[in-house]
Amino acid sequence: MIFKRLMILLGFIVFFATSSFAQGIEFFHGTWKEAIELAQKEDKLIFVDANTAWCGPCRRMAANVFTQQHVGDFYNGRFINMKIDMEKGDVDFRAKYSVKAYPTLMFINSEGEIIKRKVGGQRADGLIKLGREALALFENVDEMNDLFAQGKNDAAFLRKYVKALNNAGKPSTKAANQYLRAQKDLSTEENLLFIYNSVANADSKVFDLLIKHRAGIEALKSKKEVNKLIKSACNKTVSTAIEFQDEGLLAEAKTKMKDNNPSESKEFAYSADMKYYAALRSPEKYLKATKKYAKKIVKKDASMQNALAMDMYKAFPKDEKVLEFSLDLAKKSAKTGGLWEYYFAYAQLLAEVKDYPKAIETGEKAFEMAKAKNVPSGRIFQFLKMVKAKAKS
């Protein structure tokens, strides 16, 4: 029970230390009528988080899920995003849609029709899965699959089909390649945008075409957006490498990142190795990559030290060497950053290695620092109570 509670508290600290730096979902602040007009103009669904100020799951999603980078990356380009307080938010919306449980997550088309509805808080991956399901319904992916299987392959259909497959998180390589083979001139604006919108993994022909026609695509989208796409594609190749336990694919992802987005390639390479070896349960290789990341990227950044320490603990909570380095980072984070959050995180790791006297001392320091800042300190109090009880047993 104590371990379970400590893990909940660890999750709280990871959020607190990193959320202020994340770039998550960008919410539209206009009226419901304006959102409908924008959805019509951009041919998008509206994602609505129907909430209340007193709803605990609503607040947790706002703090822990909507703020995550990969959630924002998925939602910002695909939806018009809105948060509406169902007690005092947009009057037109509240008059039209009945909500009795919170949060209620809705995906609504430009005609005001609900395409998909889900009640209850979601984790990041669940929210992305929900969005993909809504897009699949909105774009009639199943119907398009049938048409493609029946031989429909005109250019307009294939462009729409590939976009729908990518939005729904489904393989689009076959349809994209069929479209590209039929094109005599890939340098037209329409085809350059098709290439850009078709890229999924870095280990693909479409990715190679992105690089070949990069200048033209950057003229249409911007260098920043192309670099962002390159990083996303390389990350997906890392995920594929993990799925098939293929170090060759891992190496390919790092090489393509280095060749095509060099400014972010070092951090990407260390992060890719950490992700890969954590998934394959290889603590020695994971620790080697983590030490490089800490030395070259994290350096003396207290926030990053804290976040990395927590990530290491979650990856290998029972490995002595990983835990030792995690403790060292957490200690440095507390001393360098001087914030109660970092001392609290360090105290929790000390409790996990059963250094209860040091955990209590550090936790009490965090408690006093939080009180001095008028920060609610109930979580720290409960932590200290548990650790003191454990120390006596």
Protein backbone atom coordinates (compact mmCIF):
# COMPACT_ATOMS: atom_id res chain seq x y z
CA MET A 1 0.00 0.00 0.00
CA ILE A 2 2.83 2.40 0.89
CA PHE A 3 4.57 1.66 -2.41
CA LYS A 4 1.35 2.34 -4.34
CA ARG A 5 0.83 5.65 -2.56
CA LEU A 6 4.40 6.69 -3.15
CA MET A 7 4.02 5.96 -6.85
CA ILE A 8 0.97 8.23 -6.97
CA LEU A 9 2.97 10.96 -5.29
CA LEU A 10 5.85 10.42 -7.69
CA GLY A 11 3.48 11.00 -10.57
CA PHE A 12 2.43 14.26 -8.95
CA ILE A 13 6.02 15.44 -8.68
CA VAL A 14 6.91 14.53 -12.26
CA PHE A 15 4.00 16.65 -13.43
CA PHE A 16 4.80 19.55 -11.13
CA ALA A 17 8.41 19.74 -12.20
CA THR A 18 7.80 19.53 -15.93
CA SER A 19 4.33 20.77 -16.80
CA SER A 20 5.22 24.45 -16.85
CA PHE A 21 7.71 23.76 -19.63
CA ALA A 22 5.45 21.61 -21.82
CA GLN A 23 3.71 22.86 -24.93
CA GLY A 24 0.40 21.05 -24.97
CA ILE A 25 -3.02 21.62 -26.48
CA GLU A 26 -3.71 25.15 -27.70
CA PHE A 27 -7.33 26.01 -26.89
CA PHE A 28 -9.53 28.32 -28.95
CA HIS A 29 -10.85 31.22 -26.87
CA GLY A 30 -13.61 32.49 -29.15
CA THR A 31 -17.34 31.81 -28.95
CA TRP A 32 -19.04 28.56 -29.92
CA LYS A 33 -20.46 30.26 -33.01
CA GLU A 34 -16.95 31.36 -34.02
CA ALA A 35 -15.63 27.84 -33.46
CA ILE A 36 -18.32 26.43 -35.76
CA GLU A 37 -17.39 28.96 -38.44
CA LEU A 38 -13.70 28.09 -38.12
CA ALA A 39 -14.45 24.37 -38.30
CA GLN A 40 -16.40 24.95 -41.53
CA LYS A 41 -13.57 27.01 -42.99
CA GLU A 42 -10.83 24.51 -42.08
CA ASP A 43 -12.92 21.32 -42.48
CA LYS A 44 -12.10 20.14 -38.97
CA LEU A 45 -13.82 18.63 -35.97
CA ILE A 46 -14.19 20.63 -32.77
CA PHE A 47 -12.83 18.91 -29.68
CA VAL A 48 -14.66 20.07 -26.55
CA ASP A 49 -13.68 19.41 -22.97
CA ALA A 50 -16.98 20.05 -21.17
CA ASN A 51 -16.00 20.59 -17.54
CA THR A 52 -16.71 22.38 -14.27
CA ALA A 53 -14.40 24.26 -11.94
CA TRP A 54 -15.05 21.83 -9.06
CA CYS A 55 -14.46 18.61 -11.07
CA GLY A 56 -11.33 16.79 -9.86
CA PRO A 57 -10.77 14.65 -13.00
CA CYS A 58 -11.24 17.81 -15.11
CA ARG A 59 -8.51 19.61 -13.20
CA ARG A 60 -6.18 16.62 -13.41
CA MET A 61 -6.61 16.37 -17.17
CA ALA A 62 -6.02 20.11 -17.55
CA ALA A 63 -2.84 19.87 -15.50
CA ASN A 64 -1.41 16.48 -16.44
CA VAL A 65 -2.74 15.57 -19.90
CA PHE A 66 -3.56 18.65 -21.95
CA THR A 67 -0.12 20.06 -21.13
CA GLN A 68 1.85 17.17 -22.62
CA GLN A 69 3.87 17.88 -25.75
CA HIS A 70 2.81 14.82 -27.77
CA VAL A 71 -0.85 15.42 -26.93
CA GLY A 72 -0.56 18.98 -28.23
CA ASP A 73 1.29 17.79 -31.32
CA PHE A 74 -1.62 15.49 -32.15
CA TYR A 75 -4.55 17.78 -31.32
CA ASN A 76 -3.35 21.20 -32.45
CA GLY A 77 -3.14 20.46 -36.16
CA ARG A 78 -6.24 18.27 -36.39
CA PHE A 79 -8.94 19.91 -34.27
CA ILE A 80 -10.39 23.20 -33.10
CA ASN A 81 -9.90 22.70 -29.35
CA MET A 82 -12.17 24.22 -26.70
CA LYS A 83 -12.60 24.01 -22.93
CA ILE A 84 -16.11 24.98 -21.82
CA ASP A 85 -17.23 25.37 -18.22
CA MET A 86 -20.72 23.89 -18.17
CA GLU A 87 -21.82 26.15 -15.33
CA LYS A 88 -20.61 29.50 -16.62
CA GLY A 89 -19.11 28.98 -20.08
CA ASP A 90 -20.46 29.72 -23.56
CA VAL A 91 -24.24 30.13 -23.33
CA ASP A 92 -24.97 28.87 -26.86
CA PHE A 93 -23.03 25.66 -26.28
CA ARG A 94 -24.64 24.97 -22.91
CA ALA A 95 -28.10 25.55 -24.36
CA LYS A 96 -27.51 23.05 -27.16
CA TYR A 97 -25.65 20.22 -25.43
CA SER A 98 -26.71 18.46 -22.25
CA VAL A 99 -23.89 17.26 -20.02
CA LYS A 100 -24.52 15.49 -16.70
CA ALA A 101 -21.10 14.02 -15.90
CA TYR A 102 -17.69 15.63 -15.98
CA PRO A 103 -15.53 15.77 -17.86
CA THR A 104 -17.48 14.93 -20.98
CA LEU A 105 -15.26 14.92 -24.06
CA MET A 106 -16.98 15.60 -27.37
CA PHE A 107 -15.94 15.70 -31.00
CA ILE A 108 -18.41 17.81 -32.96
CA ASN A 109 -18.54 18.57 -36.69
CA SER A 110 -19.20 21.93 -38.31
CA GLU A 111 -22.92 21.10 -38.49
CA GLY A 112 -23.03 20.81 -34.71
CA GLU A 113 -23.41 17.02 -34.77
CA ILE A 114 -21.62 14.95 -32.14
CA ILE A 115 -19.33 12.47 -33.91
CA LYS A 116 -17.95 10.89 -30.75
CA ARG A 117 -18.59 11.38 -27.05
CA LYS A 118 -16.74 10.02 -24.01
CA VAL A 119 -17.42 10.59 -20.34
CA GLY A 120 -14.56 10.59 -17.83
CA GLY A 121 -10.96 11.66 -17.58
CA GLN A 122 -8.38 10.17 -19.94
CA ARG A 123 -4.65 9.59 -19.84
CA ALA A 124 -2.55 11.03 -22.66
CA ASP A 125 -2.49 7.89 -24.81
CA GLY A 126 -6.20 7.34 -24.25
CA LEU A 127 -7.00 10.89 -25.32
CA ILE A 128 -4.98 10.49 -28.51
CA LYS A 129 -6.68 7.15 -29.21
CA LEU A 130 -10.05 8.84 -28.70
CA GLY A 131 -9.10 11.57 -31.16
CA ARG A 132 -8.02 9.05 -33.78
CA GLU A 133 -11.31 7.18 -33.42
CA ALA A 134 -13.24 10.42 -33.88
CA LEU A 135 -11.23 11.28 -36.99
CA ALA A 136 -11.80 7.81 -38.43
CA LEU A 137 -15.54 8.29 -38.05
CA PHE A 138 -15.47 11.87 -39.35
CA GLU A 139 -13.48 10.94 -42.45
CA ASN A 140 -15.34 7.64 -43.07
CA VAL A 141 -12.14 5.59 -43.07
CA ASP A 142 -13.96 2.24 -43.18
CA GLU A 143 -15.93 3.29 -46.25
CA MET A 144 -12.77 4.61 -47.90
CA ASN A 145 -10.99 1.32 -47.16
CA ASP A 146 -13.74 -0.52 -49.04
CA LEU A 147 -13.53 1.87 -52.00
CA PHE A 148 -9.74 1.50 -52.18
CA ALA A 149 -10.05 -2.30 -52.04
CA GLN A 150 -12.55 -2.10 -54.91
CA GLY A 151 -9.98 -0.26 -57.04
CA LYS A 152 -10.83 3.40 -56.55
CA ASN A 153 -7.55 5.23 -57.04
CA ASP A 154 -8.12 8.63 -58.62
CA ALA A 155 -5.77 11.33 -57.37
CA ALA A 156 -8.35 13.33 -55.41
CA PHE A 157 -9.55 10.21 -53.59
CA LEU A 158 -6.03 9.01 -52.75
CA ARG A 159 -5.05 12.41 -51.34
CA LYS A 160 -8.05 12.38 -49.04
CA TYR A 161 -7.61 8.70 -48.19
CA VAL A 162 -3.96 9.04 -47.18
CA LYS A 163 -4.75 12.03 -44.98
CA ALA A 164 -7.60 10.11 -43.31
CA LEU A 165 -5.41 7.05 -42.69
CA ASN A 166 -2.64 9.13 -41.14
CA ASN A 167 -5.08 11.01 -38.91
CA ALA A 168 -6.56 7.72 -37.75
CA GLY A 169 -3.10 6.28 -37.06
CA LYS A 170 -3.45 3.59 -39.72
CA PRO A 171 -0.83 2.53 -42.32
CA SER A 172 -0.96 4.69 -45.45
CA THR A 173 2.17 3.57 -47.32
CA LYS A 174 0.37 1.51 -49.96
CA ALA A 175 -2.06 4.27 -50.90
CA ALA A 176 0.62 6.99 -50.77
CA ASN A 177 2.99 5.04 -53.01
CA GLN A 178 0.19 4.33 -55.49
CA TYR A 179 -0.54 8.05 -55.71
CA LEU A 180 3.13 9.01 -56.08
CA ARG A 181 3.81 6.44 -58.81
CA ALA A 182 1.08 8.01 -60.94
CA GLN A 183 2.49 11.54 -60.69
CA LYS A 184 4.73 12.84 -63.46
CA ASP A 185 5.82 15.97 -61.58
CA LEU A 186 6.27 15.77 -57.82
CA SER A 187 7.37 19.41 -57.58
CA THR A 188 3.88 20.88 -57.94
CA GLU A 189 2.46 22.58 -54.86
CA GLU A 190 -0.27 19.97 -54.57
CA ASN A 191 2.20 17.08 -54.66
CA LEU A 192 4.68 18.72 -52.32
CA LEU A 193 1.90 19.12 -49.77
CA PHE A 194 0.86 15.52 -50.37
CA ILE A 195 4.39 14.34 -49.58
CA TYR A 196 4.45 16.48 -46.43
CA ASN A 197 1.08 15.17 -45.25
CA SER A 198 1.97 11.54 -46.08
CA VAL A 199 5.12 11.20 -44.01
CA ALA A 200 4.74 8.83 -41.08
CA ASN A 201 7.96 6.91 -40.35
CA ALA A 202 11.51 7.90 -41.27
CA ASP A 203 12.13 4.43 -42.72
CA SER A 204 9.97 5.03 -45.78
CA LYS A 205 10.09 6.13 -49.41
CA VAL A 206 7.85 9.11 -48.64
CA PHE A 207 10.33 10.34 -46.03
CA ASP A 208 13.12 10.17 -48.61
CA LEU A 209 10.95 12.23 -50.98
CA LEU A 210 10.41 14.78 -48.21
CA ILE A 211 14.16 15.22 -47.96
CA LYS A 212 14.62 15.30 -51.74
CA HIS A 213 11.99 18.03 -52.16
CA ARG A 214 12.71 19.73 -48.86
CA ALA A 215 13.37 23.21 -50.23
CA GLY A 216 10.04 23.35 -52.03
CA ILE A 217 8.15 21.98 -49.05
CA GLU A 218 9.82 24.42 -46.67
CA ALA A 219 8.75 27.27 -48.95
CA LEU A 220 5.17 26.14 -48.43
CA LYS A 221 5.26 25.06 -44.76
CA SER A 222 8.40 26.63 -43.15
CA LYS A 223 11.70 25.13 -42.03
CA LYS A 224 10.43 24.82 -38.46
CA GLU A 225 7.46 22.68 -39.50
CA VAL A 226 9.58 20.42 -41.68
CA ASN A 227 12.09 19.88 -38.86
CA LYS A 228 9.20 19.09 -36.55
CA LEU A 229 7.90 16.51 -39.04
CA ILE A 230 11.36 14.96 -39.42
CA LYS A 231 11.64 14.55 -35.65
CA SER A 232 8.15 13.05 -35.43
CA ALA A 233 8.91 10.57 -38.23
CA CYS A 234 12.20 9.56 -36.60
CA ASN A 235 10.41 9.06 -33.28
CA LYS A 236 7.90 6.77 -34.97
CA THR A 237 10.75 4.74 -36.43
CA VAL A 238 12.14 4.38 -32.90
CA SER A 239 8.73 3.07 -31.83
CA THR A 240 8.84 0.56 -34.70
CA ALA A 241 12.37 -0.44 -33.64
CA ILE A 242 11.05 -1.12 -30.14
CA GLU A 243 8.10 -3.11 -31.46
CA PHE A 244 10.35 -5.40 -33.52
CA GLN A 245 13.38 -5.18 -31.21
CA ASP A 246 15.46 -4.01 -34.14
CA GLU A 247 18.61 -2.02 -33.31
CA GLY A 248 19.16 -1.46 -37.01
CA LEU A 249 15.98 0.61 -37.18
CA LEU A 250 17.05 2.48 -34.05
CA ALA A 251 20.34 3.34 -35.75
CA GLU A 252 18.50 4.40 -38.92
CA ALA A 253 16.28 6.76 -36.96
CA LYS A 254 19.29 8.40 -35.29
CA THR A 255 21.19 8.68 -38.57
CA LYS A 256 18.28 10.28 -40.42
CA MET A 257 17.77 12.72 -37.57
CA LYS A 258 21.48 13.61 -37.60
CA ASP A 259 21.54 14.09 -41.37
CA ASN A 260 18.32 16.08 -41.63
CA ASN A 261 17.74 17.84 -38.31
CA PRO A 262 21.24 18.14 -36.82
CA SER A 263 20.43 20.84 -34.27
CA GLU A 264 18.23 18.42 -32.32
CA SER A 265 20.02 15.20 -33.21
CA LYS A 266 22.19 14.75 -30.10
CA GLU A 267 19.33 15.04 -27.67
CA PHE A 268 17.22 12.85 -29.94
CA ALA A 269 19.88 10.12 -30.08
CA TYR A 270 20.27 9.92 -26.29
CA SER A 271 16.50 9.99 -25.76
CA ALA A 272 15.97 7.32 -28.42
CA ASP A 273 18.51 5.03 -26.77
CA MET A 274 16.94 5.58 -23.36
CA LYS A 275 13.46 4.82 -24.69
CA TYR A 276 14.65 1.76 -26.63
CA TYR A 277 16.67 0.15 -23.83
CA ALA A 278 14.02 0.92 -21.21
CA ALA A 279 11.43 -0.87 -23.34
CA LEU A 280 13.76 -3.84 -23.91
CA ARG A 281 14.55 -4.02 -20.18
CA SER A 282 18.29 -3.50 -20.58
CA PRO A 283 19.36 -1.46 -17.53
CA GLU A 284 23.08 -1.36 -18.35
CA LYS A 285 22.59 0.13 -21.82
CA TYR A 286 19.80 2.36 -20.51
CA LEU A 287 22.08 3.73 -17.79
CA LYS A 288 24.88 4.35 -20.29
CA ALA A 289 22.55 6.40 -22.49
CA THR A 290 21.11 8.22 -19.47
CA LYS A 291 24.52 9.29 -18.23
CA LYS A 292 25.35 10.72 -21.65
CA TYR A 293 22.01 12.54 -21.72
CA ALA A 294 22.61 13.95 -18.24
CA LYS A 295 26.12 15.14 -19.10
CA LYS A 296 25.48 16.54 -22.57
CA ILE A 297 21.87 17.75 -22.40
CA VAL A 298 20.65 18.10 -18.82
CA LYS A 299 23.90 19.49 -17.39
CA LYS A 300 22.96 21.67 -14.37
CA ASP A 301 19.31 22.27 -15.22
CA ALA A 302 17.49 21.44 -11.98
CA SER A 303 14.11 20.85 -13.61
CA MET A 304 15.56 18.43 -16.14
CA GLN A 305 17.60 16.70 -13.43
CA ASN A 306 14.45 16.13 -11.42
CA ALA A 307 12.44 14.88 -14.40
CA LEU A 308 15.22 12.52 -15.50
CA ALA A 309 15.62 11.16 -11.96
CA MET A 310 11.92 10.31 -11.83
CA ASP A 311 11.98 8.77 -15.31
CA MET A 312 14.90 6.56 -14.33
CA TYR A 313 13.15 5.39 -11.21
CA LYS A 314 10.00 4.53 -13.14
CA ALA A 315 12.01 2.65 -15.79
CA PHE A 316 14.08 0.50 -13.41
CA PRO A 317 12.86 0.87 -9.81
CA LYS A 318 14.74 -2.21 -8.62
CA ASP A 319 18.09 -1.81 -10.39
CA GLU A 320 20.70 -0.63 -7.88
CA LYS A 321 22.94 1.22 -10.33
CA VAL A 322 20.08 3.01 -12.06
CA LEU A 323 18.55 3.94 -8.71
CA GLU A 324 21.90 5.18 -7.41
CA PHE A 325 22.29 7.56 -10.34
CA SER A 326 18.65 8.59 -10.03
CA LEU A 327 19.23 9.53 -6.38
CA ASP A 328 22.32 11.50 -7.30
CA LEU A 329 20.38 13.51 -9.89
CA ALA A 330 17.49 14.12 -7.51
CA LYS A 331 19.89 15.36 -4.84
CA LYS A 332 21.59 17.72 -7.31
CA SER A 333 18.19 18.93 -8.50
CA ALA A 334 17.14 19.82 -4.95
CA LYS A 335 20.37 21.66 -4.15
CA THR A 336 20.60 23.43 -7.50
CA GLY A 337 16.94 24.32 -7.90
CA GLY A 338 16.20 25.01 -4.25
CA LEU A 339 12.48 24.33 -4.70
CA TRP A 340 10.22 22.34 -2.39
CA GLU A 341 9.08 20.16 -5.29
CA TYR A 342 12.61 18.91 -5.91
CA TYR A 343 13.23 18.21 -2.22
CA PHE A 344 9.96 16.31 -2.06
CA ALA A 345 10.91 14.19 -5.08
CA TYR A 346 14.33 13.47 -3.54
CA ALA A 347 12.67 12.49 -0.25
CA GLN A 348 10.45 9.98 -2.02
CA LEU A 349 13.39 8.31 -3.74
CA LEU A 350 15.22 8.13 -0.40
CA ALA A 351 12.19 6.37 1.06
CA GLU A 352 12.26 3.86 -1.80
CA VAL A 353 15.84 2.85 -0.90
CA LYS A 354 14.74 2.67 2.76
CA ASP A 355 16.92 5.56 3.91
CA TYR A 356 14.09 6.64 6.17
CA PRO A 357 16.00 9.11 8.40
CA LYS A 358 17.25 11.04 5.36
CA ALA A 359 13.84 10.77 3.69
CA ILE A 360 12.16 12.26 6.75
CA GLU A 361 14.74 15.04 7.05
CA THR A 362 14.41 15.95 3.36
CA GLY A 363 10.63 15.62 3.40
CA GLU A 364 10.37 17.94 6.40
CA LYS A 365 12.50 20.48 4.58
CA ALA A 366 10.15 20.26 1.59
CA PHE A 367 7.17 20.63 3.95
CA GLU A 368 8.53 23.80 5.54
CA MET A 369 9.46 25.28 2.15
CA ALA A 370 5.98 24.60 0.79
CA LYS A 371 4.33 26.16 3.86
CA ALA A 372 6.51 29.25 3.47
CA LYS A 373 5.20 29.61 -0.09
CA ASN A 374 1.58 29.06 1.05
CA VAL A 375 1.45 25.91 -1.08
CA PRO A 376 -1.02 23.20 0.05
CA SER A 377 1.21 20.63 1.74
CA GLY A 378 -1.21 17.79 2.54
CA ARG A 379 0.57 15.39 0.19
CA ILE A 380 3.90 15.98 1.91
CA PHE A 381 2.29 15.59 5.33
CA GLN A 382 0.79 12.23 4.33
CA PHE A 383 4.12 11.13 2.88
CA LEU A 384 5.94 11.97 6.12
CA LYS A 385 3.30 10.15 8.13
CA MET A 386 3.76 7.01 6.03
CA VAL A 387 7.56 7.11 6.14
CA LYS A 388 7.66 7.68 9.89
CA ALA A 389 5.34 4.71 10.39
CA LYS A 390 7.55 2.61 8.12
CA ALA A 391 10.67 3.68 10.01
CA LYS A 392 9.15 2.42 13.28
CA SER A 393 8.04 -0.94 11.91
